[in-house]
N, C-alpha and C. Protein backbone atom coordinates (compact mmCIF):
# COMPACT_ATOMS: atom_id res chain seq x y z
N MET A 1 44.72 40.66 -45.34
CA MET A 1 44.53 39.87 -44.15
C MET A 1 43.12 39.29 -44.16
N ALA A 2 42.99 38.01 -43.73
CA ALA A 2 41.70 37.30 -43.76
C ALA A 2 40.84 37.72 -42.56
N PRO A 3 39.52 37.82 -42.79
CA PRO A 3 38.64 38.19 -41.68
C PRO A 3 38.65 37.07 -40.63
N PRO A 4 38.46 37.41 -39.36
CA PRO A 4 38.46 36.38 -38.31
C PRO A 4 37.28 35.40 -38.53
N LEU A 5 37.53 34.16 -38.15
CA LEU A 5 36.52 33.10 -38.34
C LEU A 5 35.25 33.41 -37.55
N LEU A 6 35.41 33.85 -36.35
CA LEU A 6 34.26 34.22 -35.52
C LEU A 6 34.40 35.68 -35.13
N SER A 7 33.49 36.44 -35.60
CA SER A 7 33.50 37.84 -35.18
C SER A 7 32.89 37.94 -33.79
N ARG A 8 32.99 39.07 -33.23
CA ARG A 8 32.48 39.28 -31.88
C ARG A 8 30.97 39.01 -31.81
N SER A 9 30.21 39.46 -32.77
CA SER A 9 28.75 39.26 -32.75
C SER A 9 28.40 37.78 -32.93
N ARG A 10 29.13 37.08 -33.79
CA ARG A 10 28.88 35.64 -33.96
C ARG A 10 29.20 34.88 -32.67
N LEU A 11 30.27 35.26 -32.02
CA LEU A 11 30.65 34.61 -30.76
C LEU A 11 29.56 34.82 -29.70
N VAL A 12 29.01 36.01 -29.62
CA VAL A 12 27.94 36.30 -28.67
C VAL A 12 26.70 35.46 -28.99
N ILE A 13 26.37 35.32 -30.26
CA ILE A 13 25.21 34.51 -30.67
C ILE A 13 25.43 33.05 -30.32
N VAL A 14 26.59 32.51 -30.60
CA VAL A 14 26.89 31.09 -30.31
C VAL A 14 26.83 30.84 -28.81
N VAL A 15 27.44 31.70 -28.04
CA VAL A 15 27.42 31.53 -26.58
C VAL A 15 26.00 31.66 -26.05
N SER A 16 25.22 32.57 -26.58
CA SER A 16 23.82 32.73 -26.16
C SER A 16 23.01 31.49 -26.48
N LEU A 17 23.22 30.91 -27.67
CA LEU A 17 22.51 29.68 -28.03
C LEU A 17 22.91 28.51 -27.13
N LEU A 18 24.18 28.42 -26.78
CA LEU A 18 24.64 27.36 -25.87
C LEU A 18 24.01 27.51 -24.49
N ILE A 19 23.99 28.73 -23.99
CA ILE A 19 23.38 28.97 -22.68
C ILE A 19 21.88 28.70 -22.73
N GLY A 20 21.21 29.15 -23.78
CA GLY A 20 19.77 28.88 -23.94
C GLY A 20 19.49 27.39 -24.04
N GLY A 21 20.33 26.67 -24.78
CA GLY A 21 20.18 25.21 -24.89
C GLY A 21 20.35 24.53 -23.55
N TYR A 22 21.30 25.00 -22.77
CA TYR A 22 21.51 24.43 -21.44
C TYR A 22 20.28 24.66 -20.55
N PHE A 23 19.68 25.85 -20.61
CA PHE A 23 18.49 26.14 -19.81
C PHE A 23 17.32 25.26 -20.24
N VAL A 24 17.15 25.06 -21.54
CA VAL A 24 16.07 24.19 -22.04
C VAL A 24 16.29 22.76 -21.57
N TYR A 25 17.54 22.28 -21.68
CA TYR A 25 17.87 20.93 -21.23
C TYR A 25 17.58 20.77 -19.74
N THR A 26 17.96 21.72 -18.94
CA THR A 26 17.73 21.67 -17.49
C THR A 26 16.24 21.68 -17.18
N ALA A 27 15.47 22.48 -17.91
CA ALA A 27 14.02 22.54 -17.67
C ALA A 27 13.35 21.22 -18.02
N VAL A 28 13.72 20.63 -19.15
CA VAL A 28 13.14 19.34 -19.56
C VAL A 28 13.53 18.25 -18.57
N LEU A 29 14.76 18.23 -18.15
CA LEU A 29 15.21 17.24 -17.17
C LEU A 29 14.47 17.41 -15.85
N GLY A 30 14.24 18.63 -15.42
CA GLY A 30 13.48 18.88 -14.19
C GLY A 30 12.04 18.40 -14.29
N MET A 31 11.41 18.62 -15.46
CA MET A 31 10.04 18.15 -15.65
C MET A 31 9.98 16.63 -15.63
N TYR A 32 10.96 15.97 -16.24
CA TYR A 32 11.02 14.52 -16.26
C TYR A 32 11.18 13.96 -14.85
N ARG A 33 12.07 14.54 -14.10
CA ARG A 33 12.28 14.08 -12.71
C ARG A 33 11.05 14.34 -11.86
N SER A 34 10.37 15.43 -12.10
CA SER A 34 9.15 15.75 -11.36
C SER A 34 8.06 14.72 -11.65
N SER A 35 7.93 14.33 -12.91
CA SER A 35 6.92 13.31 -13.24
C SER A 35 7.27 11.97 -12.61
N GLN A 36 8.55 11.63 -12.58
CA GLN A 36 8.97 10.39 -11.94
C GLN A 36 8.64 10.42 -10.45
N LEU A 37 8.90 11.54 -9.81
CA LEU A 37 8.61 11.66 -8.38
C LEU A 37 7.11 11.57 -8.10
N SER A 38 6.30 12.18 -8.94
CA SER A 38 4.85 12.12 -8.71
C SER A 38 4.32 10.70 -8.91
N GLU A 39 4.86 9.97 -9.89
CA GLU A 39 4.47 8.57 -10.07
C GLU A 39 4.90 7.72 -8.87
N SER A 40 6.10 7.96 -8.40
CA SER A 40 6.60 7.23 -7.24
C SER A 40 5.75 7.52 -6.01
N ARG A 41 5.36 8.78 -5.85
CA ARG A 41 4.52 9.15 -4.71
C ARG A 41 3.15 8.48 -4.80
N ALA A 42 2.58 8.42 -6.00
CA ALA A 42 1.28 7.78 -6.18
C ALA A 42 1.37 6.29 -5.82
N ARG A 43 2.44 5.63 -6.24
CA ARG A 43 2.61 4.21 -5.89
C ARG A 43 2.76 4.04 -4.38
N ALA A 44 3.51 4.93 -3.74
CA ALA A 44 3.71 4.84 -2.29
C ALA A 44 2.40 5.07 -1.55
N GLU A 45 1.58 6.01 -2.02
CA GLU A 45 0.28 6.26 -1.37
C GLU A 45 -0.64 5.06 -1.53
N GLU A 46 -0.61 4.40 -2.68
CA GLU A 46 -1.42 3.20 -2.90
C GLU A 46 -0.97 2.08 -1.96
N GLN A 47 0.34 1.92 -1.81
CA GLN A 47 0.86 0.91 -0.89
C GLN A 47 0.45 1.24 0.54
N LEU A 48 0.46 2.51 0.89
CA LEU A 48 0.05 2.93 2.23
C LEU A 48 -1.41 2.57 2.48
N ARG A 49 -2.27 2.84 1.50
CA ARG A 49 -3.69 2.49 1.66
C ARG A 49 -3.87 0.99 1.83
N ALA A 50 -3.15 0.19 1.03
CA ALA A 50 -3.24 -1.26 1.14
C ALA A 50 -2.76 -1.73 2.51
N LEU A 51 -1.68 -1.15 3.00
CA LEU A 51 -1.15 -1.54 4.31
C LEU A 51 -2.10 -1.13 5.44
N GLU A 52 -2.76 0.03 5.30
CA GLU A 52 -3.73 0.44 6.32
C GLU A 52 -4.92 -0.51 6.35
N GLU A 53 -5.38 -0.96 5.17
CA GLU A 53 -6.47 -1.94 5.13
C GLU A 53 -6.04 -3.25 5.77
N GLN A 54 -4.82 -3.69 5.46
CA GLN A 54 -4.31 -4.93 6.04
C GLN A 54 -4.18 -4.80 7.56
N LYS A 55 -3.73 -3.64 8.03
CA LYS A 55 -3.60 -3.41 9.46
C LYS A 55 -4.96 -3.48 10.14
N ALA A 56 -5.97 -2.86 9.53
CA ALA A 56 -7.32 -2.89 10.11
C ALA A 56 -7.83 -4.33 10.19
N TYR A 57 -7.59 -5.11 9.13
CA TYR A 57 -8.02 -6.50 9.13
C TYR A 57 -7.31 -7.29 10.22
N LEU A 58 -6.00 -7.12 10.33
CA LEU A 58 -5.24 -7.87 11.33
C LEU A 58 -5.62 -7.45 12.75
N GLU A 59 -5.92 -6.17 12.96
CA GLU A 59 -6.38 -5.74 14.28
C GLU A 59 -7.73 -6.37 14.62
N ALA A 60 -8.60 -6.49 13.62
CA ALA A 60 -9.89 -7.13 13.86
C ALA A 60 -9.71 -8.61 14.19
N VAL A 61 -8.80 -9.27 13.48
CA VAL A 61 -8.52 -10.68 13.78
C VAL A 61 -7.93 -10.81 15.17
N ARG A 62 -7.01 -9.92 15.53
CA ARG A 62 -6.40 -9.96 16.86
C ARG A 62 -7.46 -9.76 17.94
N ALA A 63 -8.38 -8.83 17.72
CA ALA A 63 -9.45 -8.60 18.70
C ALA A 63 -10.32 -9.84 18.83
N TYR A 64 -10.60 -10.50 17.71
CA TYR A 64 -11.42 -11.72 17.77
C TYR A 64 -10.68 -12.83 18.50
N VAL A 65 -9.40 -13.00 18.19
CA VAL A 65 -8.61 -14.06 18.82
C VAL A 65 -8.49 -13.82 20.32
N ALA A 66 -8.50 -12.56 20.75
CA ALA A 66 -8.40 -12.25 22.18
C ALA A 66 -9.75 -12.37 22.88
N SER A 67 -10.83 -12.59 22.13
CA SER A 67 -12.16 -12.63 22.74
C SER A 67 -12.41 -13.97 23.42
N ASP A 68 -13.35 -13.96 24.36
CA ASP A 68 -13.73 -15.18 25.06
C ASP A 68 -14.38 -16.18 24.11
N ALA A 69 -15.10 -15.69 23.12
CA ALA A 69 -15.76 -16.58 22.16
C ALA A 69 -14.74 -17.42 21.41
N TYR A 70 -13.64 -16.81 21.01
CA TYR A 70 -12.61 -17.56 20.29
C TYR A 70 -11.95 -18.57 21.21
N VAL A 71 -11.63 -18.17 22.42
CA VAL A 71 -10.98 -19.08 23.36
C VAL A 71 -11.87 -20.28 23.63
N GLU A 72 -13.16 -20.03 23.83
CA GLU A 72 -14.09 -21.14 24.07
C GLU A 72 -14.21 -22.03 22.83
N GLN A 73 -14.25 -21.43 21.67
CA GLN A 73 -14.35 -22.20 20.42
C GLN A 73 -13.13 -23.10 20.26
N GLU A 74 -11.95 -22.57 20.51
CA GLU A 74 -10.74 -23.38 20.39
C GLU A 74 -10.69 -24.47 21.46
N ALA A 75 -11.17 -24.18 22.65
CA ALA A 75 -11.20 -25.20 23.70
C ALA A 75 -12.13 -26.35 23.28
N ARG A 76 -13.25 -26.00 22.66
CA ARG A 76 -14.15 -27.05 22.18
C ARG A 76 -13.51 -27.83 21.04
N ARG A 77 -12.91 -27.13 20.10
CA ARG A 77 -12.35 -27.78 18.91
C ARG A 77 -11.13 -28.63 19.25
N ARG A 78 -10.20 -28.09 20.01
CA ARG A 78 -8.95 -28.80 20.27
C ARG A 78 -9.06 -29.81 21.41
N TYR A 79 -9.76 -29.45 22.47
CA TYR A 79 -9.73 -30.28 23.68
C TYR A 79 -11.06 -30.93 24.01
N GLY A 80 -12.05 -30.73 23.17
CA GLY A 80 -13.33 -31.36 23.39
C GLY A 80 -14.12 -30.77 24.55
N TYR A 81 -13.85 -29.55 24.90
CA TYR A 81 -14.55 -28.88 25.99
C TYR A 81 -16.04 -28.77 25.67
N ILE A 82 -16.87 -29.09 26.65
CA ILE A 82 -18.33 -28.97 26.50
C ILE A 82 -18.83 -28.21 27.72
N ARG A 83 -19.64 -27.20 27.48
CA ARG A 83 -20.23 -26.45 28.59
C ARG A 83 -21.19 -27.33 29.38
N GLU A 84 -21.34 -26.94 30.64
CA GLU A 84 -22.29 -27.66 31.48
C GLU A 84 -23.69 -27.50 30.91
N GLY A 85 -24.41 -28.59 30.81
CA GLY A 85 -25.77 -28.54 30.31
C GLY A 85 -25.87 -28.60 28.80
N LYS A 86 -24.75 -28.69 28.11
CA LYS A 86 -24.75 -28.78 26.64
C LYS A 86 -24.34 -30.18 26.24
N SER A 87 -24.76 -30.58 25.04
CA SER A 87 -24.34 -31.88 24.54
C SER A 87 -23.49 -31.66 23.29
N ARG A 88 -22.65 -32.63 23.02
CA ARG A 88 -21.75 -32.50 21.88
C ARG A 88 -22.48 -32.92 20.61
N LEU A 89 -22.53 -32.00 19.65
CA LEU A 89 -23.12 -32.29 18.35
C LEU A 89 -22.01 -32.26 17.31
N SER A 90 -22.12 -33.14 16.36
CA SER A 90 -21.11 -33.20 15.31
C SER A 90 -21.66 -32.51 14.07
N SER A 91 -20.82 -31.72 13.44
CA SER A 91 -21.22 -30.98 12.24
C SER A 91 -20.52 -31.57 11.04
N SER A 92 -21.15 -31.50 9.88
CA SER A 92 -20.54 -32.07 8.68
C SER A 92 -19.45 -31.16 8.11
N ALA A 93 -19.53 -29.87 8.36
CA ALA A 93 -18.54 -28.95 7.81
C ALA A 93 -18.18 -27.86 8.82
N PRO A 94 -17.46 -28.23 9.88
CA PRO A 94 -17.16 -27.23 10.91
C PRO A 94 -16.23 -26.14 10.41
N GLY A 95 -15.34 -26.46 9.49
CA GLY A 95 -14.40 -25.46 9.00
C GLY A 95 -15.09 -24.34 8.26
N ARG A 96 -16.09 -24.69 7.48
CA ARG A 96 -16.81 -23.66 6.73
C ARG A 96 -17.58 -22.74 7.66
N ARG A 97 -18.24 -23.33 8.64
CA ARG A 97 -19.02 -22.52 9.56
C ARG A 97 -18.11 -21.61 10.38
N ARG A 98 -16.98 -22.15 10.81
CA ARG A 98 -16.05 -21.37 11.62
C ARG A 98 -15.45 -20.24 10.79
N SER A 99 -15.05 -20.53 9.55
CA SER A 99 -14.46 -19.47 8.73
C SER A 99 -15.51 -18.42 8.36
N ALA A 100 -16.76 -18.83 8.18
CA ALA A 100 -17.81 -17.85 7.90
C ALA A 100 -18.04 -16.98 9.13
N ALA A 101 -18.01 -17.59 10.30
CA ALA A 101 -18.19 -16.81 11.53
C ALA A 101 -17.02 -15.84 11.72
N LEU A 102 -15.81 -16.29 11.41
CA LEU A 102 -14.65 -15.42 11.53
C LEU A 102 -14.75 -14.26 10.55
N ARG A 103 -15.14 -14.54 9.30
CA ARG A 103 -15.30 -13.45 8.32
C ARG A 103 -16.34 -12.46 8.78
N HIS A 104 -17.44 -12.95 9.37
CA HIS A 104 -18.50 -12.07 9.85
C HIS A 104 -17.98 -11.17 10.98
N LEU A 105 -17.26 -11.76 11.92
CA LEU A 105 -16.73 -10.97 13.04
C LEU A 105 -15.69 -9.96 12.56
N VAL A 106 -14.84 -10.35 11.64
CA VAL A 106 -13.82 -9.46 11.13
C VAL A 106 -14.49 -8.31 10.37
N ALA A 107 -15.47 -8.63 9.54
CA ALA A 107 -16.18 -7.58 8.78
C ALA A 107 -16.89 -6.60 9.73
N ALA A 108 -17.43 -7.11 10.83
CA ALA A 108 -18.11 -6.25 11.78
C ALA A 108 -17.12 -5.34 12.52
N ALA A 109 -15.91 -5.82 12.69
CA ALA A 109 -14.93 -5.04 13.45
C ALA A 109 -14.18 -4.02 12.58
N LEU A 110 -14.24 -4.18 11.25
CA LEU A 110 -13.53 -3.24 10.39
C LEU A 110 -14.18 -1.88 10.42
N PRO A 111 -13.36 -0.84 10.40
CA PRO A 111 -13.94 0.52 10.38
C PRO A 111 -14.59 0.80 9.03
N ARG A 112 -15.64 1.55 9.06
CA ARG A 112 -16.34 1.86 7.81
C ARG A 112 -15.97 3.22 7.31
């Protein structure tokens, strides 16, 4: 009679190797997924920081737009409003001066 193809000890070794291989595969897959999650979290945190900076900038712009100085500036620019006792002077580059003033006010209002 021919000996069995797989003896009991060989069967135990093969099953043990299969189980060990499965555990190694699961561990490697878990490490890969963990690295993906950490990269995704880092990107999300960077986006959060960028959005917080944008929010601070927009809040500073909103505060400036709600100020009396902005309202008066727009009244002068759009409707030709002139304060009592003042004369109208024409500037060669009003847009540059206004945008520089806006940048200065926004920078002053941003949290440090």
